[in-house]
Amino acid sequence: MKPLSALKIIALSMGLTAVLLLAWIGLSVLASLYGTASITAEAVLNFLLAIVLAFVGLPILHRAFYRYFWNIRRKLASGEMQIGDKMPVVGADPTPPPPRTRKTRRQIALYAIFYLIGIVSLLAIYVPIGHQEALNAFLARYSAGRSSFSTLATLVIIYLPMAITLALIFPFLDADQKLIRAGSTDAEEILRLQDRQEWLFSFLTAYVCVGFLSFVAGNWILRFLA
């Protein structure tokens, strides 16, 4: 990563942190003055972090993984990488932008639906602090210690959403792959189908990562602030 890019990321992170702190303090004061006793400072902070991760983190991570997966596809096609080789670290090397492809109206509508489902589900699961408490209580009840807690959390927070999302996108991935293998489509259409595959895979990855980050944020709030 170039030094200038790193400085931009650091400055942006510091600015976002300052805005979140000010928003947390302001909303906490308003909640204590005009809200109910159930709206705690911990609930406000969890609310803010979940909102930011869903509306800001998801598109940013999706775009990053989208470029990353396209870069891997290019390297495999050129022979620079082989299946089974060690995958490069995300963000370690600059990645060229994905190719510009024609997107149909149905494709755009599909993307919008996935984003709607993704954001709504993230907000529904992680915004209420009570849901975070219930999730942590469930994991603590059915785990025998810190190690088994982490293992169970990995299954519930990462692999379960991954399996559900994969089940949702699999019909589209399978249909695209069949069309590509059939050989009856032109190069432009094949590129569009490949682009949709990378978009869906990168969305799945970004969605799971944001869910994990939302859980970690809530877990830390309950552990250190509640």
C-alpha atoms as a PDB file:
ATOM      1  CA  MET A   1       0.000   0.000   0.000  1.00  0.00           C
ATOM      2  CA  LYS A   2       1.321   3.441  -0.913  1.00  0.00           C
ATOM      3  CA  PRO A   3       2.161   5.799   2.006  1.00  0.00           C
ATOM      4  CA  LEU A   4      -0.285   8.422   0.748  1.00  0.00           C
ATOM      5  CA  SER A   5      -3.091   5.865   0.609  1.00  0.00           C
ATOM      6  CA  ALA A   6      -2.238   4.683   4.113  1.00  0.00           C
ATOM      7  CA  LEU A   7      -2.321   8.269   5.397  1.00  0.00           C
ATOM      8  CA  LYS A   8      -5.707   8.831   3.770  1.00  0.00           C
ATOM      9  CA  ILE A   9      -7.086   5.702   5.435  1.00  0.00           C
ATOM     10  CA  ILE A  10      -5.674   6.758   8.821  1.00  0.00           C
ATOM     11  CA  ALA A  11      -7.113  10.278   8.491  1.00  0.00           C
ATOM     12  CA  LEU A  12     -10.494   8.912   7.426  1.00  0.00           C
ATOM     13  CA  SER A  13     -10.492   6.452  10.329  1.00  0.00           C
ATOM     14  CA  MET A  14      -9.653   9.189  12.820  1.00  0.00           C
ATOM     15  CA  GLY A  15     -12.391  11.425  11.451  1.00  0.00           C
ATOM     16  CA  LEU A  16     -14.961   8.630  11.546  1.00  0.00           C
ATOM     17  CA  THR A  17     -13.923   7.760  15.112  1.00  0.00           C
ATOM     18  CA  ALA A  18     -14.363  11.379  16.192  1.00  0.00           C
ATOM     19  CA  VAL A  19     -17.803  11.566  14.583  1.00  0.00           C
ATOM     20  CA  LEU A  20     -18.857   8.306  16.252  1.00  0.00           C
ATOM     21  CA  LEU A  21     -17.664   9.487  19.666  1.00  0.00           C
ATOM     22  CA  LEU A  22     -19.519  12.790  19.344  1.00  0.00           C
ATOM     23  CA  ALA A  23     -22.647  11.016  18.110  1.00  0.00           C
ATOM     24  CA  TRP A  24     -22.413   8.498  20.953  1.00  0.00           C
ATOM     25  CA  ILE A  25     -22.106  11.218  23.587  1.00  0.00           C
ATOM     26  CA  GLY A  26     -24.871  13.320  22.057  1.00  0.00           C
ATOM     27  CA  LEU A  27     -27.338  10.473  21.597  1.00  0.00           C
ATOM     28  CA  SER A  28     -26.567   9.094  25.062  1.00  0.00           C
ATOM     29  CA  VAL A  29     -27.341  12.489  26.632  1.00  0.00           C
ATOM     30  CA  LEU A  30     -30.566  12.802  24.642  1.00  0.00           C
ATOM     31  CA  ALA A  31     -31.555   9.255  25.589  1.00  0.00           C
ATOM     32  CA  SER A  32     -30.971   9.945  29.282  1.00  0.00           C
ATOM     33  CA  LEU A  33     -32.956  13.193  29.152  1.00  0.00           C
ATOM     34  CA  TYR A  34     -35.855  12.264  26.904  1.00  0.00           C
ATOM     35  CA  GLY A  35     -35.705   8.489  26.506  1.00  0.00           C
ATOM     36  CA  THR A  36     -36.404   5.561  28.748  1.00  0.00           C
ATOM     37  CA  ALA A  37     -34.148   3.812  31.252  1.00  0.00           C
ATOM     38  CA  SER A  38     -33.724   0.880  28.851  1.00  0.00           C
ATOM     39  CA  ILE A  39     -31.802   3.075  26.380  1.00  0.00           C
ATOM     40  CA  THR A  40     -28.323   2.879  27.876  1.00  0.00           C
ATOM     41  CA  ALA A  41     -25.050   4.313  26.615  1.00  0.00           C
ATOM     42  CA  GLU A  42     -24.017   0.764  25.696  1.00  0.00           C
ATOM     43  CA  ALA A  43     -27.173   0.331  23.609  1.00  0.00           C
ATOM     44  CA  VAL A  44     -26.524   3.638  21.833  1.00  0.00           C
ATOM     45  CA  LEU A  45     -22.925   2.689  20.997  1.00  0.00           C
ATOM     46  CA  ASN A  46     -23.963  -0.723  19.718  1.00  0.00           C
ATOM     47  CA  PHE A  47     -26.674   0.947  17.631  1.00  0.00           C
ATOM     48  CA  LEU A  48     -24.197   3.364  16.058  1.00  0.00           C
ATOM     49  CA  LEU A  49     -21.576   0.738  15.283  1.00  0.00           C
ATOM     50  CA  ALA A  50     -24.116  -1.653  13.773  1.00  0.00           C
ATOM     51  CA  ILE A  51     -25.547   1.138  11.611  1.00  0.00           C
ATOM     52  CA  VAL A  52     -22.109   2.212  10.361  1.00  0.00           C
ATOM     53  CA  LEU A  53     -21.028  -1.355   9.625  1.00  0.00           C
ATOM     54  CA  ALA A  54     -24.241  -2.151   7.736  1.00  0.00           C
ATOM     55  CA  PHE A  55     -24.492   1.031   5.666  1.00  0.00           C
ATOM     56  CA  VAL A  56     -20.796   1.913   5.265  1.00  0.00           C
ATOM     57  CA  GLY A  57     -18.790  -1.210   6.049  1.00  0.00           C
ATOM     58  CA  LEU A  58     -20.778  -3.556   3.818  1.00  0.00           C
ATOM     59  CA  PRO A  59     -20.379  -1.539   0.578  1.00  0.00           C
ATOM     60  CA  ILE A  60     -16.695  -0.831   1.278  1.00  0.00           C
ATOM     61  CA  LEU A  61     -15.818  -4.449   2.011  1.00  0.00           C
ATOM     62  CA  HIS A  62     -17.951  -5.628  -0.900  1.00  0.00           C
ATOM     63  CA  ARG A  63     -16.071  -3.370  -3.296  1.00  0.00           C
ATOM     64  CA  ALA A  64     -12.717  -4.506  -1.893  1.00  0.00           C
ATOM     65  CA  PHE A  65     -13.535  -8.210  -2.219  1.00  0.00           C
ATOM     66  CA  TYR A  66     -15.072  -7.613  -5.643  1.00  0.00           C
ATOM     67  CA  ARG A  67     -11.763  -6.222  -6.945  1.00  0.00           C
ATOM     68  CA  TYR A  68      -9.817  -8.918  -5.099  1.00  0.00           C
ATOM     69  CA  PHE A  69     -11.792 -11.827  -6.577  1.00  0.00           C
ATOM     70  CA  TRP A  70     -11.578 -10.359 -10.064  1.00  0.00           C
ATOM     71  CA  ASN A  71      -7.827 -10.038  -9.623  1.00  0.00           C
ATOM     72  CA  ILE A  72      -7.625 -13.716  -8.627  1.00  0.00           C
ATOM     73  CA  ARG A  73      -9.699 -14.700 -11.668  1.00  0.00           C
ATOM     74  CA  ARG A  74      -7.371 -12.739 -13.948  1.00  0.00           C
ATOM     75  CA  LYS A  75      -4.277 -14.377 -12.415  1.00  0.00           C
ATOM     76  CA  LEU A  76      -5.776 -17.838 -12.837  1.00  0.00           C
ATOM     77  CA  ALA A  77      -6.708 -17.124 -16.450  1.00  0.00           C
ATOM     78  CA  SER A  78      -3.216 -15.830 -17.272  1.00  0.00           C
ATOM     79  CA  GLY A  79      -1.458 -18.717 -15.563  1.00  0.00           C
ATOM     80  CA  GLU A  80       0.167 -16.453 -12.973  1.00  0.00           C
ATOM     81  CA  MET A  81      -1.642 -18.467 -10.310  1.00  0.00           C
ATOM     82  CA  GLN A  82      -2.728 -22.084 -10.190  1.00  0.00           C
ATOM     83  CA  ILE A  83      -5.629 -23.625  -8.308  1.00  0.00           C
ATOM     84  CA  GLY A  84      -4.278 -24.697  -4.931  1.00  0.00           C
ATOM     85  CA  ASP A  85      -1.672 -21.931  -4.700  1.00  0.00           C
ATOM     86  CA  LYS A  86      -1.541 -19.797  -1.582  1.00  0.00           C
ATOM     87  CA  MET A  87      -4.018 -16.953  -1.882  1.00  0.00           C
ATOM     88  CA  PRO A  88      -2.563 -13.435  -1.672  1.00  0.00           C
ATOM     89  CA  VAL A  89      -3.507 -11.328   1.331  1.00  0.00           C
ATOM     90  CA  VAL A  90      -6.455  -9.023   0.695  1.00  0.00           C
ATOM     91  CA  GLY A  91      -5.198  -5.477   0.216  1.00  0.00           C
ATOM     92  CA  ALA A  92      -1.523  -6.451   0.182  1.00  0.00           C
ATOM     93  CA  ASP A  93      -1.115  -5.634  -3.512  1.00  0.00           C
ATOM     94  CA  PRO A  94      -2.890  -3.049  -5.677  1.00  0.00           C
ATOM     95  CA  THR A  95      -5.685  -4.587  -7.712  1.00  0.00           C
ATOM     96  CA  PRO A  96      -6.961  -3.222 -11.023  1.00  0.00           C
ATOM     97  CA  PRO A  97     -10.655  -2.369 -11.228  1.00  0.00           C
ATOM     98  CA  PRO A  98     -13.067  -5.011 -12.511  1.00  0.00           C
ATOM     99  CA  PRO A  99     -13.893  -4.860 -16.208  1.00  0.00           C
ATOM    100  CA  ARG A 100     -16.848  -2.750 -17.260  1.00  0.00           C
ATOM    101  CA  THR A 101     -19.737  -4.974 -18.233  1.00  0.00           C
ATOM    102  CA  ARG A 102     -23.296  -4.468 -19.383  1.00  0.00           C
ATOM    103  CA  LYS A 103     -25.800  -5.048 -16.587  1.00  0.00           C
ATOM    104  CA  THR A 104     -29.375  -5.975 -17.319  1.00  0.00           C
ATOM    105  CA  ARG A 105     -32.328  -4.553 -15.403  1.00  0.00           C
ATOM    106  CA  ARG A 106     -32.942  -7.931 -13.779  1.00  0.00           C
ATOM    107  CA  GLN A 107     -29.318  -8.051 -12.713  1.00  0.00           C
ATOM    108  CA  ILE A 108     -29.504  -4.574 -11.144  1.00  0.00           C
ATOM    109  CA  ALA A 109     -32.753  -5.522  -9.397  1.00  0.00           C
ATOM    110  CA  LEU A 110     -31.098  -8.698  -8.092  1.00  0.00           C
ATOM    111  CA  TYR A 111     -28.212  -6.684  -6.673  1.00  0.00           C
ATOM    112  CA  ALA A 112     -30.615  -4.248  -5.005  1.00  0.00           C
ATOM    113  CA  ILE A 113     -32.604  -7.093  -3.454  1.00  0.00           C
ATOM    114  CA  PHE A 114     -29.476  -8.710  -2.034  1.00  0.00           C
ATOM    115  CA  TYR A 115     -28.374  -5.410  -0.532  1.00  0.00           C
ATOM    116  CA  LEU A 116     -31.826  -4.838   0.938  1.00  0.00           C
ATOM    117  CA  ILE A 117     -31.892  -8.323   2.476  1.00  0.00           C
ATOM    118  CA  GLY A 118     -28.318  -7.989   3.712  1.00  0.00           C
ATOM    119  CA  ILE A 119     -28.684  -4.592   5.383  1.00  0.00           C
ATOM    120  CA  VAL A 120     -32.093  -5.318   6.897  1.00  0.00           C
ATOM    121  CA  SER A 121     -30.927  -8.653   8.318  1.00  0.00           C
ATOM    122  CA  LEU A 122     -27.757  -7.124   9.787  1.00  0.00           C
ATOM    123  CA  LEU A 123     -29.751  -4.349  11.427  1.00  0.00           C
ATOM    124  CA  ALA A 124     -32.389  -6.738  12.747  1.00  0.00           C
ATOM    125  CA  ILE A 125     -29.816  -9.081  14.259  1.00  0.00           C
ATOM    126  CA  TYR A 126     -27.197  -6.710  15.658  1.00  0.00           C
ATOM    127  CA  VAL A 127     -28.759  -3.274  16.312  1.00  0.00           C
ATOM    128  CA  PRO A 128     -30.799  -4.215  19.427  1.00  0.00           C
ATOM    129  CA  ILE A 129     -28.408  -4.647  22.348  1.00  0.00           C
ATOM    130  CA  GLY A 130     -30.809  -7.264  23.689  1.00  0.00           C
ATOM    131  CA  HIS A 131     -30.097  -9.454  20.678  1.00  0.00           C
ATOM    132  CA  GLN A 132     -26.380  -9.181  21.370  1.00  0.00           C
ATOM    133  CA  GLU A 133     -26.997 -10.154  25.002  1.00  0.00           C
ATOM    134  CA  ALA A 134     -29.131 -13.126  23.983  1.00  0.00           C
ATOM    135  CA  LEU A 135     -26.568 -14.287  21.429  1.00  0.00           C
ATOM    136  CA  ASN A 136     -23.706 -14.057  23.912  1.00  0.00           C
ATOM    137  CA  ALA A 137     -25.787 -15.840  26.554  1.00  0.00           C
ATOM    138  CA  PHE A 138     -26.546 -18.651  24.085  1.00  0.00           C
ATOM    139  CA  LEU A 139     -22.888 -19.059  23.195  1.00  0.00           C
ATOM    140  CA  ALA A 140     -21.836 -19.004  26.850  1.00  0.00           C
ATOM    141  CA  ARG A 141     -24.489 -21.557  27.830  1.00  0.00           C
ATOM    142  CA  TYR A 142     -23.519 -24.127  25.207  1.00  0.00           C
ATOM    143  CA  SER A 143     -19.743 -23.737  25.458  1.00  0.00           C
ATOM    144  CA  ALA A 144     -17.435 -25.190  28.079  1.00  0.00           C
ATOM    145  CA  GLY A 145     -14.804 -22.462  28.046  1.00  0.00           C
ATOM    146  CA  ARG A 146     -13.123 -19.732  26.022  1.00  0.00           C
ATOM    147  CA  SER A 147     -11.883 -22.119  23.339  1.00  0.00           C
ATOM    148  CA  SER A 148     -15.239 -23.807  22.816  1.00  0.00           C
ATOM    149  CA  PHE A 149     -16.943 -20.375  22.980  1.00  0.00           C
ATOM    150  CA  SER A 150     -14.806 -19.225  20.044  1.00  0.00           C
ATOM    151  CA  THR A 151     -15.519 -22.432  18.133  1.00  0.00           C
ATOM    152  CA  LEU A 152     -19.263 -22.187  18.663  1.00  0.00           C
ATOM    153  CA  ALA A 153     -19.205 -18.473  17.806  1.00  0.00           C
ATOM    154  CA  THR A 154     -17.403 -19.290  14.562  1.00  0.00           C
ATOM    155  CA  LEU A 155     -20.097 -21.813  13.653  1.00  0.00           C
ATOM    156  CA  VAL A 156     -22.996 -19.507  14.526  1.00  0.00           C
ATOM    157  CA  ILE A 157     -21.614 -16.120  13.450  1.00  0.00           C
ATOM    158  CA  ILE A 158     -19.587 -17.112  10.379  1.00  0.00           C
ATOM    159  CA  TYR A 159     -20.488 -20.509   8.951  1.00  0.00           C
ATOM    160  CA  LEU A 160     -24.252 -20.363   9.498  1.00  0.00           C
ATOM    161  CA  PRO A 161     -24.721 -17.000   7.697  1.00  0.00           C
ATOM    162  CA  MET A 162     -22.277 -18.181   5.036  1.00  0.00           C
ATOM    163  CA  ALA A 163     -24.316 -21.332   4.421  1.00  0.00           C
ATOM    164  CA  ILE A 164     -27.605 -19.415   4.288  1.00  0.00           C
ATOM    165  CA  THR A 165     -26.234 -16.771   1.916  1.00  0.00           C
ATOM    166  CA  LEU A 166     -24.598 -19.407  -0.264  1.00  0.00           C
ATOM    167  CA  ALA A 167     -27.928 -21.210  -0.523  1.00  0.00           C
ATOM    168  CA  LEU A 168     -29.495 -17.948  -1.737  1.00  0.00           C
ATOM    169  CA  ILE A 169     -26.877 -17.188  -4.381  1.00  0.00           C
ATOM    170  CA  PHE A 170     -26.208 -20.768  -5.525  1.00  0.00           C
ATOM    171  CA  PRO A 171     -29.101 -20.938  -8.063  1.00  0.00           C
ATOM    172  CA  PHE A 172     -27.718 -17.858  -9.829  1.00  0.00           C
ATOM    173  CA  LEU A 173     -24.123 -19.106  -9.727  1.00  0.00           C
ATOM    174  CA  ASP A 174     -25.167 -22.501 -11.042  1.00  0.00           C
ATOM    175  CA  ALA A 175     -27.250 -21.017 -13.852  1.00  0.00           C
ATOM    176  CA  ASP A 176     -24.410 -18.709 -14.893  1.00  0.00           C
ATOM    177  CA  GLN A 177     -21.874 -21.536 -14.887  1.00  0.00           C
ATOM    178  CA  LYS A 178     -24.127 -23.722 -17.047  1.00  0.00           C
ATOM    179  CA  LEU A 179     -24.494 -20.916 -19.598  1.00  0.00           C
ATOM    180  CA  ILE A 180     -20.740 -20.344 -19.667  1.00  0.00           C
ATOM    181  CA  ARG A 181     -19.993 -24.050 -20.137  1.00  0.00           C
ATOM    182  CA  ALA A 182     -22.638 -24.416 -22.828  1.00  0.00           C
ATOM    183  CA  GLY A 183     -20.518 -22.308 -25.172  1.00  0.00           C
ATOM    184  CA  SER A 184     -23.539 -20.770 -26.872  1.00  0.00           C
ATOM    185  CA  THR A 185     -22.959 -17.234 -25.566  1.00  0.00           C
ATOM    186  CA  ASP A 186     -20.633 -14.570 -26.947  1.00  0.00           C
ATOM    187  CA  ALA A 187     -17.607 -13.147 -25.151  1.00  0.00           C
ATOM    188  CA  GLU A 188     -19.473 -10.076 -23.874  1.00  0.00           C
ATOM    189  CA  GLU A 189     -22.200 -12.196 -22.303  1.00  0.00           C
ATOM    190  CA  ILE A 190     -19.656 -14.567 -20.746  1.00  0.00           C
ATOM    191  CA  LEU A 191     -17.888 -11.572 -19.196  1.00  0.00           C
ATOM    192  CA  ARG A 192     -21.201 -10.328 -17.801  1.00  0.00           C
ATOM    193  CA  LEU A 193     -21.946 -13.726 -16.262  1.00  0.00           C
ATOM    194  CA  GLN A 194     -18.465 -13.959 -14.782  1.00  0.00           C
ATOM    195  CA  ASP A 195     -18.878 -10.474 -13.367  1.00  0.00           C
ATOM    196  CA  ARG A 196     -22.139 -11.470 -11.710  1.00  0.00           C
ATOM    197  CA  GLN A 197     -20.452 -14.504 -10.166  1.00  0.00           C
ATOM    198  CA  GLU A 198     -17.687 -12.356  -8.696  1.00  0.00           C
ATOM    199  CA  TRP A 199     -20.229  -9.808  -7.462  1.00  0.00           C
ATOM    200  CA  LEU A 200     -22.232 -12.486  -5.650  1.00  0.00           C
ATOM    201  CA  PHE A 201     -19.192 -14.209  -4.150  1.00  0.00           C
ATOM    202  CA  SER A 202     -17.772 -10.894  -2.947  1.00  0.00           C
ATOM    203  CA  PHE A 203     -21.143  -9.893  -1.482  1.00  0.00           C
ATOM    204  CA  LEU A 204     -21.306 -13.173   0.457  1.00  0.00           C
ATOM    205  CA  THR A 205     -17.801 -12.601   1.830  1.00  0.00           C
ATOM    206  CA  ALA A 206     -18.472  -8.987   2.762  1.00  0.00           C
ATOM    207  CA  TYR A 207     -21.799  -9.845   4.400  1.00  0.00           C
ATOM    208  CA  VAL A 208     -20.235 -12.535   6.593  1.00  0.00           C
ATOM    209  CA  CYS A 209     -17.353 -10.217   7.548  1.00  0.00           C
ATOM    210  CA  VAL A 210     -19.705  -7.395   8.537  1.00  0.00           C
ATOM    211  CA  GLY A 211     -21.811  -9.772  10.605  1.00  0.00           C
ATOM    212  CA  PHE A 212     -18.689 -10.983  12.393  1.00  0.00           C
ATOM    213  CA  LEU A 213     -17.483  -7.420  13.043  1.00  0.00           C
ATOM    214  CA  SER A 214     -20.930  -6.442  14.361  1.00  0.00           C
ATOM    215  CA  PHE A 215     -20.876  -9.389  16.747  1.00  0.00           C
ATOM    216  CA  VAL A 216     -17.347  -8.564  17.943  1.00  0.00           C
ATOM    217  CA  ALA A 217     -18.323  -4.931  18.528  1.00  0.00           C
ATOM    218  CA  GLY A 218     -21.363  -5.959  20.569  1.00  0.00           C
ATOM    219  CA  ASN A 219     -19.367  -8.557  22.473  1.00  0.00           C
ATOM    220  CA  TRP A 220     -16.724  -5.998  23.469  1.00  0.00           C
ATOM    221  CA  ILE A 221     -19.393  -3.477  24.496  1.00  0.00           C
ATOM    222  CA  LEU A 222     -21.071  -6.030  26.771  1.00  0.00           C
ATOM    223  CA  ARG A 223     -17.735  -7.238  28.177  1.00  0.00           C
ATOM    224  CA  PHE A 224     -16.031  -3.919  28.869  1.00  0.00           C
ATOM    225  CA  LEU A 225     -18.785  -1.288  29.138  1.00  0.00           C
ATOM    226  CA  ALA A 226     -21.919  -2.977  30.441  1.00  0.00           C
END
